Amino acid sequence: MANQTGDPGSAPFFLAAAGGAFFWGVAYVLGFNPREYGTRMMRFFYSASPHQVPDRHSLIWRTRLFAAVYFLVGAAVETIAVLGFLGKFPPS
């Protein structure tokens, strides 16, 4: 039976670890562009938006910018997950 005191245990930190891994995976695809998947993802993003698809050079730089942002978000989420596993989050 679940703990009735409202303590979720380490489940949120497992979800944070999985979310961080997802962000790092997207950052890898956008940053290293294996099989042109990164530019395909960005073209798909632009095809769903009201903006025009930029030329290839601009698209590559925007893809790298998105990769950096996804990497930083993934690092922040993984930091919370690791601190939670160590019992240091939330700080008291």
PDB file of N, CA and C in Angstrom:
ATOM      1  N   MET A   1       0.839  -1.173   0.000  1.00  0.00           N
ATOM      2  CA  MET A   1       0.000   0.000   0.000  1.00  0.00           C
ATOM      3  C   MET A   1       0.890   1.244   0.000  1.00  0.00           C
ATOM      4  N   ALA A   2       0.436   2.277  -0.644  1.00  0.00           N
ATOM      5  CA  ALA A   2       1.221   3.499  -0.763  1.00  0.00           C
ATOM      6  C   ALA A   2       1.283   4.238   0.564  1.00  0.00           C
ATOM      7  N   ASN A   3       2.339   4.971   0.745  1.00  0.00           N
ATOM      8  CA  ASN A   3       2.502   5.790   1.929  1.00  0.00           C
ATOM      9  C   ASN A   3       1.454   6.895   1.904  1.00  0.00           C
ATOM     10  N   GLN A   4       0.667   7.022   2.936  1.00  0.00           N
ATOM     11  CA  GLN A   4      -0.443   7.966   2.951  1.00  0.00           C
ATOM     12  C   GLN A   4      -0.051   9.347   3.450  1.00  0.00           C
ATOM     13  N   THR A   5       1.209   9.587   3.720  1.00  0.00           N
ATOM     14  CA  THR A   5       1.625  10.885   4.239  1.00  0.00           C
ATOM     15  C   THR A   5       1.873  11.902   3.135  1.00  0.00           C
ATOM     16  N   GLY A   6       1.751  11.520   1.889  1.00  0.00           N
ATOM     17  CA  GLY A   6       1.976  12.444   0.785  1.00  0.00           C
ATOM     18  C   GLY A   6       3.414  12.472   0.310  1.00  0.00           C
ATOM     19  N   ASP A   7       4.228  11.561   0.782  1.00  0.00           N
ATOM     20  CA  ASP A   7       5.624  11.496   0.355  1.00  0.00           C
ATOM     21  C   ASP A   7       5.715  10.630  -0.897  1.00  0.00           C
ATOM     22  N   PRO A   8       6.041  11.220  -2.056  1.00  0.00           N
ATOM     23  CA  PRO A   8       6.093  10.419  -3.279  1.00  0.00           C
ATOM     24  C   PRO A   8       7.345   9.555  -3.391  1.00  0.00           C
ATOM     25  N   GLY A   9       8.271   9.695  -2.460  1.00  0.00           N
ATOM     26  CA  GLY A   9       9.497   8.906  -2.519  1.00  0.00           C
ATOM     27  C   GLY A   9      10.429   9.403  -3.616  1.00  0.00           C
ATOM     28  N   SER A  10      11.044   8.481  -4.309  1.00  0.00           N
ATOM     29  CA  SER A  10      12.002   8.874  -5.344  1.00  0.00           C
ATOM     30  C   SER A  10      11.394   8.854  -6.746  1.00  0.00           C
ATOM     31  N   ALA A  11      10.094   8.629  -6.857  1.00  0.00           N
ATOM     32  CA  ALA A  11       9.453   8.569  -8.177  1.00  0.00           C
ATOM     33  C   ALA A  11       9.635   9.849  -8.994  1.00  0.00           C
ATOM     34  N   PRO A  12       9.475  11.049  -8.412  1.00  0.00           N
ATOM     35  CA  PRO A  12       9.688  12.262  -9.228  1.00  0.00           C
ATOM     36  C   PRO A  12      11.107  12.371  -9.769  1.00  0.00           C
ATOM     37  N   PHE A  13      12.063  11.837  -9.036  1.00  0.00           N
ATOM     38  CA  PHE A  13      13.451  11.933  -9.481  1.00  0.00           C
ATOM     39  C   PHE A  13      13.748  10.922 -10.585  1.00  0.00           C
ATOM     40  N   PHE A  14      13.060   9.782 -10.558  1.00  0.00           N
ATOM     41  CA  PHE A  14      13.166   8.851 -11.686  1.00  0.00           C
ATOM     42  C   PHE A  14      12.571   9.484 -12.941  1.00  0.00           C
ATOM     43  N   LEU A  15      11.440  10.169 -12.784  1.00  0.00           N
ATOM     44  CA  LEU A  15      10.842  10.858 -13.934  1.00  0.00           C
ATOM     45  C   LEU A  15      11.753  11.979 -14.428  1.00  0.00           C
ATOM     46  N   ALA A  16      12.389  12.685 -13.503  1.00  0.00           N
ATOM     47  CA  ALA A  16      13.323  13.748 -13.901  1.00  0.00           C
ATOM     48  C   ALA A  16      14.520  13.164 -14.642  1.00  0.00           C
ATOM     49  N   ALA A  17      15.018  12.022 -14.175  1.00  0.00           N
ATOM     50  CA  ALA A  17      16.148  11.386 -14.864  1.00  0.00           C
ATOM     51  C   ALA A  17      15.750  10.965 -16.275  1.00  0.00           C
ATOM     52  N   ALA A  18      14.543  10.418 -16.425  1.00  0.00           N
ATOM     53  CA  ALA A  18      14.075  10.023 -17.762  1.00  0.00           C
ATOM     54  C   ALA A  18      13.870  11.248 -18.647  1.00  0.00           C
ATOM     55  N   GLY A  19      13.330  12.313 -18.083  1.00  0.00           N
ATOM     56  CA  GLY A  19      13.137  13.543 -18.853  1.00  0.00           C
ATOM     57  C   GLY A  19      14.451  14.167 -19.281  1.00  0.00           C
ATOM     58  N   GLY A  20      15.428  14.151 -18.384  1.00  0.00           N
ATOM     59  CA  GLY A  20      16.748  14.678 -18.737  1.00  0.00           C
ATOM     60  C   GLY A  20      17.401  13.868 -19.837  1.00  0.00           C
ATOM     61  N   ALA A  21      17.234  12.539 -19.764  1.00  0.00           N
ATOM     62  CA  ALA A  21      17.783  11.681 -20.826  1.00  0.00           C
ATOM     63  C   ALA A  21      17.104  11.980 -22.157  1.00  0.00           C
ATOM     64  N   PHE A  22      15.802  12.258 -22.119  1.00  0.00           N
ATOM     65  CA  PHE A  22      15.088  12.623 -23.351  1.00  0.00           C
ATOM     66  C   PHE A  22      15.655  13.923 -23.927  1.00  0.00           C
ATOM     67  N   PHE A  23      15.834  14.931 -23.081  1.00  0.00           N
ATOM     68  CA  PHE A  23      16.379  16.204 -23.562  1.00  0.00           C
ATOM     69  C   PHE A  23      17.782  16.021 -24.125  1.00  0.00           C
ATOM     70  N   TRP A  24      18.605  15.204 -23.463  1.00  0.00           N
ATOM     71  CA  TRP A  24      19.951  14.955 -23.983  1.00  0.00           C
ATOM     72  C   TRP A  24      19.908  14.187 -25.294  1.00  0.00           C
ATOM     73  N   GLY A  25      18.950  13.300 -25.448  1.00  0.00           N
ATOM     74  CA  GLY A  25      18.801  12.580 -26.718  1.00  0.00           C
ATOM     75  C   GLY A  25      18.437  13.511 -27.855  1.00  0.00           C
ATOM     76  N   VAL A  26      17.508  14.421 -27.592  1.00  0.00           N
ATOM     77  CA  VAL A  26      17.136  15.398 -28.625  1.00  0.00           C
ATOM     78  C   VAL A  26      18.315  16.315 -28.929  1.00  0.00           C
ATOM     79  N   ALA A  27      19.056  16.704 -27.895  1.00  0.00           N
ATOM     80  CA  ALA A  27      20.239  17.549 -28.117  1.00  0.00           C
ATOM     81  C   ALA A  27      21.273  16.828 -28.968  1.00  0.00           C
ATOM     82  N   TYR A  28      21.441  15.523 -28.744  1.00  0.00           N
ATOM     83  CA  TYR A  28      22.383  14.752 -29.563  1.00  0.00           C
ATOM     84  C   TYR A  28      21.950  14.738 -31.030  1.00  0.00           C
ATOM     85  N   VAL A  29      20.668  14.465 -31.251  1.00  0.00           N
ATOM     86  CA  VAL A  29      20.172  14.400 -32.630  1.00  0.00           C
ATOM     87  C   VAL A  29      20.305  15.755 -33.313  1.00  0.00           C
ATOM     88  N   LEU A  30      19.965  16.827 -32.597  1.00  0.00           N
ATOM     89  CA  LEU A  30      20.074  18.154 -33.198  1.00  0.00           C
ATOM     90  C   LEU A  30      21.530  18.590 -33.358  1.00  0.00           C
ATOM     91  N   GLY A  31      22.374  18.244 -32.403  1.00  0.00           N
ATOM     92  CA  GLY A  31      23.757  18.722 -32.431  1.00  0.00           C
ATOM     93  C   GLY A  31      24.653  17.974 -33.389  1.00  0.00           C
ATOM     94  N   PHE A  32      24.580  16.652 -33.375  1.00  0.00           N
ATOM     95  CA  PHE A  32      25.475  15.866 -34.218  1.00  0.00           C
ATOM     96  C   PHE A  32      24.840  15.479 -35.550  1.00  0.00           C
ATOM     97  N   ASN A  33      23.528  15.628 -35.651  1.00  0.00           N
ATOM     98  CA  ASN A  33      22.797  15.482 -36.910  1.00  0.00           C
ATOM     99  C   ASN A  33      23.066  14.140 -37.609  1.00  0.00           C
ATOM    100  N   PRO A  34      22.853  13.011 -36.908  1.00  0.00           N
ATOM    101  CA  PRO A  34      23.073  11.725 -37.592  1.00  0.00           C
ATOM    102  C   PRO A  34      22.011  11.498 -38.654  1.00  0.00           C
ATOM    103  N   ARG A  35      22.452  11.103 -39.835  1.00  0.00           N
ATOM    104  CA  ARG A  35      21.560  10.831 -40.979  1.00  0.00           C
ATOM    105  C   ARG A  35      20.623  11.999 -41.294  1.00  0.00           C
ATOM    106  N   GLU A  36      21.063  13.210 -40.990  1.00  0.00           N
ATOM    107  CA  GLU A  36      20.294  14.424 -41.267  1.00  0.00           C
ATOM    108  C   GLU A  36      18.985  14.483 -40.485  1.00  0.00           C
ATOM    109  N   TYR A  37      18.889  13.735 -39.380  1.00  0.00           N
ATOM    110  CA  TYR A  37      17.652  13.758 -38.597  1.00  0.00           C
ATOM    111  C   TYR A  37      17.425  15.108 -37.929  1.00  0.00           C
ATOM    112  N   GLY A  38      18.505  15.774 -37.529  1.00  0.00           N
ATOM    113  CA  GLY A  38      18.369  17.071 -36.882  1.00  0.00           C
ATOM    114  C   GLY A  38      17.763  18.113 -37.799  1.00  0.00           C
ATOM    115  N   THR A  39      18.249  18.186 -39.034  1.00  0.00           N
ATOM    116  CA  THR A  39      17.679  19.165 -39.967  1.00  0.00           C
ATOM    117  C   THR A  39      16.273  18.755 -40.366  1.00  0.00           C
ATOM    118  N   ARG A  40      15.988  17.471 -40.421  1.00  0.00           N
ATOM    119  CA  ARG A  40      14.612  17.035 -40.700  1.00  0.00           C
ATOM    120  C   ARG A  40      13.669  17.479 -39.590  1.00  0.00           C
ATOM    121  N   MET A  41      14.125  17.340 -38.340  1.00  0.00           N
ATOM    122  CA  MET A  41      13.291  17.781 -37.227  1.00  0.00           C
ATOM    123  C   MET A  41      13.037  19.279 -37.288  1.00  0.00           C
ATOM    124  N   MET A  42      14.066  20.037 -37.609  1.00  0.00           N
ATOM    125  CA  MET A  42      13.891  21.491 -37.683  1.00  0.00           C
ATOM    126  C   MET A  42      13.002  21.880 -38.852  1.00  0.00           C
ATOM    127  N   ARG A  43      13.142  21.204 -39.981  1.00  0.00           N
ATOM    128  CA  ARG A  43      12.251  21.490 -41.111  1.00  0.00           C
ATOM    129  C   ARG A  43      10.805  21.156 -40.763  1.00  0.00           C
ATOM    130  N   PHE A  44      10.603  20.058 -40.023  1.00  0.00           N
ATOM    131  CA  PHE A  44       9.265  19.702 -39.583  1.00  0.00           C
ATOM    132  C   PHE A  44       8.709  20.778 -38.654  1.00  0.00           C
ATOM    133  N   PHE A  45       9.553  21.301 -37.766  1.00  0.00           N
ATOM    134  CA  PHE A  45       9.140  22.380 -36.867  1.00  0.00           C
ATOM    135  C   PHE A  45       8.722  23.606 -37.668  1.00  0.00           C
ATOM    136  N   TYR A  46       9.537  23.978 -38.650  1.00  0.00           N
ATOM    137  CA  TYR A  46       9.215  25.161 -39.448  1.00  0.00           C
ATOM    138  C   TYR A  46       8.011  24.931 -40.354  1.00  0.00           C
ATOM    139  N   SER A  47       7.793  23.713 -40.808  1.00  0.00           N
ATOM    140  CA  SER A  47       6.628  23.465 -41.663  1.00  0.00           C
ATOM    141  C   SER A  47       5.329  23.579 -40.876  1.00  0.00           C
ATOM    142  N   ALA A  48       5.397  23.392 -39.552  1.00  0.00           N
ATOM    143  CA  ALA A  48       4.212  23.510 -38.716  1.00  0.00           C
ATOM    144  C   ALA A  48       4.025  24.927 -38.192  1.00  0.00           C
ATOM    145  N   SER A  49       4.969  25.812 -38.445  1.00  0.00           N
ATOM    146  CA  SER A  49       4.872  27.184 -37.957  1.00  0.00           C
ATOM    147  C   SER A  49       4.561  28.124 -39.121  1.00  0.00           C
ATOM    148  N   PRO A  50       4.124  29.330 -38.821  1.00  0.00           N
ATOM    149  CA  PRO A  50       3.822  30.279 -39.904  1.00  0.00           C
ATOM    150  C   PRO A  50       5.061  30.893 -40.541  1.00  0.00           C
ATOM    151  N   HIS A  51       6.251  30.560 -40.060  1.00  0.00           N
ATOM    152  CA  HIS A  51       7.482  31.129 -40.604  1.00  0.00           C
ATOM    153  C   HIS A  51       7.970  30.303 -41.792  1.00  0.00           C
ATOM    154  N   GLN A  52       8.747  30.934 -42.646  1.00  0.00           N
ATOM    155  CA  GLN A  52       9.326  30.227 -43.784  1.00  0.00           C
ATOM    156  C   GLN A  52      10.527  29.413 -43.329  1.00  0.00           C
ATOM    157  N   VAL A  53      10.779  28.322 -43.997  1.00  0.00           N
ATOM    158  CA  VAL A  53      11.956  27.509 -43.701  1.00  0.00           C
ATOM    159  C   VAL A  53      13.179  28.289 -44.169  1.00  0.00           C
ATOM    160  N   PRO A  54      14.150  28.526 -43.259  1.00  0.00           N
ATOM    161  CA  PRO A  54      15.330  29.283 -43.672  1.00  0.00           C
ATOM    162  C   PRO A  54      16.229  28.463 -44.592  1.00  0.00           C
ATOM    163  N   ASP A  55      17.216  29.146 -45.186  1.00  0.00           N
ATOM    164  CA  ASP A  55      18.153  28.433 -46.051  1.00  0.00           C
ATOM    165  C   ASP A  55      18.982  27.453 -45.223  1.00  0.00           C
ATOM    166  N   ARG A  56      19.727  26.603 -45.889  1.00  0.00           N
ATOM    167  CA  ARG A  56      20.430  25.501 -45.219  1.00  0.00           C
ATOM    168  C   ARG A  56      21.434  25.994 -44.179  1.00  0.00           C
ATOM    169  N   HIS A  57      22.175  27.048 -44.496  1.00  0.00           N
ATOM    170  CA  HIS A  57      23.188  27.546 -43.568  1.00  0.00           C
ATOM    171  C   HIS A  57      22.525  28.065 -42.283  1.00  0.00           C
ATOM    172  N   SER A  58      21.477  28.852 -42.408  1.00  0.00           N
ATOM    173  CA  SER A  58      20.771  29.364 -41.231  1.00  0.00           C
ATOM    174  C   SER A  58      20.111  28.241 -40.452  1.00  0.00           C
ATOM    175  N   LEU A  59      19.604  27.253 -41.178  1.00  0.00           N
ATOM    176  CA  LEU A  59      18.949  26.130 -40.516  1.00  0.00           C
ATOM    177  C   LEU A  59      19.949  25.338 -39.676  1.00  0.00           C
ATOM    178  N   ILE A  60      21.160  25.167 -40.165  1.00  0.00           N
ATOM    179  CA  ILE A  60      22.175  24.430 -39.411  1.00  0.00           C
ATOM    180  C   ILE A  60      22.534  25.187 -38.135  1.00  0.00           C
ATOM    181  N   TRP A  61      22.690  26.508 -38.217  1.00  0.00           N
ATOM    182  CA  TRP A  61      23.028  27.269 -37.026  1.00  0.00           C
ATOM    183  C   TRP A  61      21.886  27.283 -36.030  1.00  0.00           C
ATOM    184  N   ARG A  62      20.672  27.387 -36.507  1.00  0.00           N
ATOM    185  CA  ARG A  62      19.521  27.345 -35.591  1.00  0.00           C
ATOM    186  C   ARG A  62      19.385  25.969 -34.961  1.00  0.00           C
ATOM    187  N   THR A  63      19.700  24.933 -35.714  1.00  0.00           N
ATOM    188  CA  THR A  63      19.659  23.582 -35.172  1.00  0.00           C
ATOM    189  C   THR A  63      20.683  23.431 -34.059  1.00  0.00           C
ATOM    190  N   ARG A  64      21.866  23.971 -34.243  1.00  0.00           N
ATOM    191  CA  ARG A  64      22.897  23.901 -33.198  1.00  0.00           C
ATOM    192  C   ARG A  64      22.495  24.715 -31.975  1.00  0.00           C
ATOM    193  N   LEU A  65      21.837  25.851 -32.192  1.00  0.00           N
ATOM    194  CA  LEU A  65      21.356  26.653 -31.066  1.00  0.00           C
ATOM    195  C   LEU A  65      20.308  25.876 -30.273  1.00  0.00           C
ATOM    196  N   PHE A  66      19.377  25.244 -30.961  1.00  0.00           N
ATOM    197  CA  PHE A  66      18.377  24.416 -30.292  1.00  0.00           C
ATOM    198  C   PHE A  66      19.052  23.265 -29.546  1.00  0.00           C
ATOM    199  N   ALA A  67      20.099  22.682 -30.121  1.00  0.00           N
ATOM    200  CA  ALA A  67      20.817  21.594 -29.457  1.00  0.00           C
ATOM    201  C   ALA A  67      21.445  22.082 -28.161  1.00  0.00           C
ATOM    202  N   ALA A  68      22.028  23.257 -28.172  1.00  0.00           N
ATOM    203  CA  ALA A  68      22.637  23.799 -26.955  1.00  0.00           C
ATOM    204  C   ALA A  68      21.584  24.049 -25.877  1.00  0.00           C
ATOM    205  N   VAL A  69      20.443  24.571 -26.281  1.00  0.00           N
ATOM    206  CA  VAL A  69      19.372  24.825 -25.315  1.00  0.00           C
ATOM    207  C   VAL A  69      18.848  23.516 -24.739  1.00  0.00           C
ATOM    208  N   TYR A  70      18.621  22.519 -25.587  1.00  0.00           N
ATOM    209  CA  TYR A  70      18.151  21.230 -25.098  1.00  0.00           C
ATOM    210  C   TYR A  70      19.189  20.583 -24.182  1.00  0.00           C
ATOM    211  N   PHE A  71      20.473  20.732 -24.485  1.00  0.00           N
ATOM    212  CA  PHE A  71      21.511  20.174 -23.631  1.00  0.00           C
ATOM    213  C   PHE A  71      21.493  20.832 -22.259  1.00  0.00           C
ATOM    214  N   LEU A  72      21.370  22.170 -22.221  1.00  0.00           N
ATOM    215  CA  LEU A  72      21.355  22.874 -20.943  1.00  0.00           C
ATOM    216  C   LEU A  72      20.121  22.533 -20.119  1.00  0.00           C
ATOM    217  N   VAL A  73      18.974  22.418 -20.769  1.00  0.00           N
ATOM    218  CA  VAL A  73      17.758  22.029 -20.044  1.00  0.00           C
ATOM    219  C   VAL A  73      17.911  20.608 -19.502  1.00  0.00           C
ATOM    220  N   GLY A  74      18.452  19.709 -20.313  1.00  0.00           N
ATOM    221  CA  GLY A  74      18.687  18.342 -19.853  1.00  0.00           C
ATOM    222  C   GLY A  74      19.649  18.293 -18.674  1.00  0.00           C
ATOM    223  N   ALA A  75      20.681  19.120 -18.719  1.00  0.00           N
ATOM    224  CA  ALA A  75      21.636  19.164 -17.612  1.00  0.00           C
ATOM    225  C   ALA A  75      20.980  19.673 -16.339  1.00  0.00           C
ATOM    226  N   ALA A  76      20.116  20.672 -16.455  1.00  0.00           N
ATOM    227  CA  ALA A  76      19.417  21.189 -15.279  1.00  0.00           C
ATOM    228  C   ALA A  76      18.485  20.136 -14.687  1.00  0.00           C
ATOM    229  N   VAL A  77      17.766  19.425 -15.536  1.00  0.00           N
ATOM    230  CA  VAL A  77      16.846  18.396 -15.058  1.00  0.00           C
ATOM    231  C   VAL A  77      17.620  17.239 -14.435  1.00  0.00           C
ATOM    232  N   GLU A  78      18.716  16.846 -15.043  1.00  0.00           N
ATOM    233  CA  GLU A  78      19.530  15.768 -14.472  1.00  0.00           C
ATOM    234  C   GLU A  78      20.158  16.192 -13.151  1.00  0.00           C
ATOM    235  N   THR A  79      20.503  17.460 -12.998  1.00  0.00           N
ATOM    236  CA  THR A  79      21.035  17.949 -11.731  1.00  0.00           C
ATOM    237  C   THR A  79      20.006  17.793 -10.622  1.00  0.00           C
ATOM    238  N   ILE A  80      18.762  18.144 -10.915  1.00  0.00           N
ATOM    239  CA  ILE A  80      17.694  17.970  -9.931  1.00  0.00           C
ATOM    240  C   ILE A  80      17.509  16.495  -9.603  1.00  0.00           C
ATOM    241  N   ALA A  81      17.575  15.639 -10.605  1.00  0.00           N
ATOM    242  CA  ALA A  81      17.409  14.201 -10.370  1.00  0.00           C
ATOM    243  C   ALA A  81      18.524  13.661  -9.482  1.00  0.00           C
ATOM    244  N   VAL A  82      19.763  14.026  -9.762  1.00  0.00           N
ATOM    245  CA  VAL A  82      20.891  13.528  -8.972  1.00  0.00           C
ATOM    246  C   VAL A  82      20.812  14.057  -7.542  1.00  0.00           C
ATOM    247  N   LEU A  83      20.505  15.336  -7.380  1.00  0.00           N
ATOM    248  CA  LEU A  83      20.376  15.889  -6.025  1.00  0.00           C
ATOM    249  C   LEU A  83      19.237  15.214  -5.268  1.00  0.00           C
ATOM    250  N   GLY A  84      18.164  14.881  -5.973  1.00  0.00           N
ATOM    251  CA  GLY A  84      17.054  14.176  -5.326  1.00  0.00           C
ATOM    252  C   GLY A  84      17.444  12.780  -4.891  1.00  0.00           C
ATOM    253  N   PHE A  85      18.187  12.077  -5.722  1.00  0.00           N
ATOM    254  CA  PHE A  85      18.638  10.732  -5.348  1.00  0.00           C
ATOM    255  C   PHE A  85      19.588  10.781  -4.154  1.00  0.00           C
ATOM    256  N   LEU A  86      20.372  11.869  -4.058  1.00  0.00           N
ATOM    257  CA  LEU A  86      21.295  12.013  -2.933  1.00  0.00           C
ATOM    258  C   LEU A  86      20.620  12.543  -1.678  1.00  0.00           C
ATOM    259  N   GLY A  87      19.345  12.927  -1.798  1.00  0.00           N
ATOM    260  CA  GLY A  87      18.605  13.454  -0.649  1.00  0.00           C
ATOM    261  C   GLY A  87      18.876  14.908  -0.351  1.00  0.00           C
ATOM    262  N   LYS A  88      19.411  15.631  -1.308  1.00  0.00           N
ATOM    263  CA  LYS A  88      19.737  17.047  -1.094  1.00  0.00           C
ATOM    264  C   LYS A  88      18.758  17.994  -1.781  1.00  0.00           C
ATOM    265  N   PHE A  89      17.683  17.457  -2.365  1.00  0.00           N
ATOM    266  CA  PHE A  89      16.693  18.301  -3.040  1.00  0.00           C
ATOM    267  C   PHE A  89      15.327  17.915  -2.529  1.00  0.00           C
ATOM    268  N   PRO A  90      14.470  18.804  -2.179  1.00  0.00           N
ATOM    269  CA  PRO A  90      14.665  20.255  -2.140  1.00  0.00           C
ATOM    270  C   PRO A  90      15.536  20.656  -0.957  1.00  0.00           C
ATOM    271  N   PRO A  91      16.287  21.744  -1.126  1.00  0.00           N
ATOM    272  CA  PRO A  91      17.166  22.172  -0.032  1.00  0.00           C
ATOM    273  C   PRO A  91      16.344  22.596   1.178  1.00  0.00           C
ATOM    274  N   SER A  92      16.815  22.251   2.341  1.00  0.00           N
ATOM    275  CA  SER A  92      16.068  22.624   3.548  1.00  0.00           C
ATOM    276  C   SER A  92      16.841  23.558   4.430  1.00  0.00           C
TER     277      SER A  92
END
